[in-house]
Amino acid sequence: ENGEQIDGIEYEAHREMAEHQLRKIAHEAAERFDLRAIRLHHCLGFVAVGETSLFLRVAAAHRGAAFEASRW
């Protein structure tokens, strides 16, 4: 940015509020796409360029539903 190299991004959040919102999103996705399981995690703190900041894993009876849930 401004001609300088970007090393990463710093994520800040009120942890309890962020976890509550992630649970709401996961619950809605599970219902909407009939998921058997969902795991959703967003990193807080510094995340270097190229590192994972969001982890999503879903399981469904049919792969189409799992792919749709992942895209949603």
C-alpha atoms as a PDB file:
ATOM      1  CA  GLU A   1       0.000   0.000   0.000  1.00  0.00           C
ATOM      2  CA  ASN A   2       1.369   3.431  -0.946  1.00  0.00           C
ATOM      3  CA  GLY A   3       4.195   1.621  -2.706  1.00  0.00           C
ATOM      4  CA  GLU A   4       5.165  -0.369   0.392  1.00  0.00           C
ATOM      5  CA  GLN A   5       5.191  -4.130   0.630  1.00  0.00           C
ATOM      6  CA  ILE A   6       2.259  -5.593   2.549  1.00  0.00           C
ATOM      7  CA  ASP A   7       3.290  -8.311   4.994  1.00  0.00           C
ATOM      8  CA  GLY A   8      -0.174  -9.274   6.221  1.00  0.00           C
ATOM      9  CA  ILE A   9      -3.289  -8.058   7.940  1.00  0.00           C
ATOM     10  CA  GLU A  10      -4.217  -7.581  11.591  1.00  0.00           C
ATOM     11  CA  TYR A  11      -7.687  -8.855  12.520  1.00  0.00           C
ATOM     12  CA  GLU A  12      -9.292  -7.423  15.633  1.00  0.00           C
ATOM     13  CA  ALA A  13     -12.662  -8.327  17.098  1.00  0.00           C
ATOM     14  CA  HIS A  14     -14.593  -8.624  20.302  1.00  0.00           C
ATOM     15  CA  ARG A  15     -14.010 -12.376  20.651  1.00  0.00           C
ATOM     16  CA  GLU A  16     -17.354 -13.316  22.249  1.00  0.00           C
ATOM     17  CA  MET A  17     -19.340 -11.278  19.732  1.00  0.00           C
ATOM     18  CA  ALA A  18     -17.371 -12.658  16.780  1.00  0.00           C
ATOM     19  CA  GLU A  19     -17.802 -16.248  17.980  1.00  0.00           C
ATOM     20  CA  HIS A  20     -21.537 -15.641  18.437  1.00  0.00           C
ATOM     21  CA  GLN A  21     -21.847 -14.347  14.864  1.00  0.00           C
ATOM     22  CA  LEU A  22     -19.840 -17.269  13.465  1.00  0.00           C
ATOM     23  CA  ARG A  23     -22.138 -19.700  15.317  1.00  0.00           C
ATOM     24  CA  LYS A  24     -25.184 -17.945  13.829  1.00  0.00           C
ATOM     25  CA  ILE A  25     -23.710 -18.178  10.326  1.00  0.00           C
ATOM     26  CA  ALA A  26     -22.838 -21.854  10.823  1.00  0.00           C
ATOM     27  CA  HIS A  27     -26.321 -22.652  12.150  1.00  0.00           C
ATOM     28  CA  GLU A  28     -28.027 -20.902   9.233  1.00  0.00           C
ATOM     29  CA  ALA A  29     -25.781 -22.661   6.709  1.00  0.00           C
ATOM     30  CA  ALA A  30     -26.430 -26.047   8.343  1.00  0.00           C
ATOM     31  CA  GLU A  31     -30.185 -25.524   8.071  1.00  0.00           C
ATOM     32  CA  ARG A  32     -30.186 -23.957   4.621  1.00  0.00           C
ATOM     33  CA  PHE A  33     -27.985 -26.626   3.007  1.00  0.00           C
ATOM     34  CA  ASP A  34     -28.892 -29.627   5.196  1.00  0.00           C
ATOM     35  CA  LEU A  35     -25.322 -30.026   6.409  1.00  0.00           C
ATOM     36  CA  ARG A  36     -24.285 -32.906   8.626  1.00  0.00           C
ATOM     37  CA  ALA A  37     -21.389 -30.911  10.075  1.00  0.00           C
ATOM     38  CA  ILE A  38     -19.790 -27.499   9.751  1.00  0.00           C
ATOM     39  CA  ARG A  39     -16.579 -26.045  11.160  1.00  0.00           C
ATOM     40  CA  LEU A  40     -15.950 -22.327  10.777  1.00  0.00           C
ATOM     41  CA  HIS A  41     -12.971 -20.468  12.229  1.00  0.00           C
ATOM     42  CA  HIS A  42     -11.672 -16.965  11.558  1.00  0.00           C
ATOM     43  CA  CYS A  43      -8.230 -15.980  12.802  1.00  0.00           C
ATOM     44  CA  LEU A  44      -7.658 -12.977  15.025  1.00  0.00           C
ATOM     45  CA  GLY A  45      -4.392 -11.116  15.301  1.00  0.00           C
ATOM     46  CA  PHE A  46      -1.750 -10.835  12.609  1.00  0.00           C
ATOM     47  CA  VAL A  47      -2.093 -13.084   9.552  1.00  0.00           C
ATOM     48  CA  ALA A  48       0.806 -13.005   7.115  1.00  0.00           C
ATOM     49  CA  VAL A  49       0.324 -12.783   3.354  1.00  0.00           C
ATOM     50  CA  GLY A  50      -0.324 -16.278   2.030  1.00  0.00           C
ATOM     51  CA  GLU A  51      -1.484 -17.635   5.384  1.00  0.00           C
ATOM     52  CA  THR A  52      -5.021 -18.886   6.034  1.00  0.00           C
ATOM     53  CA  SER A  53      -7.337 -16.404   7.751  1.00  0.00           C
ATOM     54  CA  LEU A  54     -10.627 -18.298   7.383  1.00  0.00           C
ATOM     55  CA  PHE A  55     -11.141 -22.033   7.760  1.00  0.00           C
ATOM     56  CA  LEU A  56     -14.377 -23.669   6.615  1.00  0.00           C
ATOM     57  CA  ARG A  57     -15.135 -27.378   6.546  1.00  0.00           C
ATOM     58  CA  VAL A  58     -18.566 -28.750   5.724  1.00  0.00           C
ATOM     59  CA  ALA A  59     -20.028 -32.237   5.444  1.00  0.00           C
ATOM     60  CA  ALA A  60     -23.264 -33.102   3.697  1.00  0.00           C
ATOM     61  CA  ALA A  61     -25.001 -36.182   2.347  1.00  0.00           C
ATOM     62  CA  HIS A  62     -24.454 -34.854  -1.177  1.00  0.00           C
ATOM     63  CA  ARG A  63     -21.377 -33.008  -2.413  1.00  0.00           C
ATOM     64  CA  GLY A  64     -23.481 -30.437  -4.295  1.00  0.00           C
ATOM     65  CA  ALA A  65     -24.938 -29.188  -1.013  1.00  0.00           C
ATOM     66  CA  ALA A  66     -21.460 -29.026   0.521  1.00  0.00           C
ATOM     67  CA  PHE A  67     -20.114 -27.023  -2.427  1.00  0.00           C
ATOM     68  CA  GLU A  68     -23.095 -24.653  -2.349  1.00  0.00           C
ATOM     69  CA  ALA A  69     -22.690 -24.118   1.393  1.00  0.00           C
ATOM     70  CA  SER A  70     -18.997 -23.358   0.881  1.00  0.00           C
ATOM     71  CA  ARG A  71     -19.807 -20.774  -1.792  1.00  0.00           C
ATOM     72  CA  TRP A  72     -22.588 -19.185   0.271  1.00  0.00           C
END
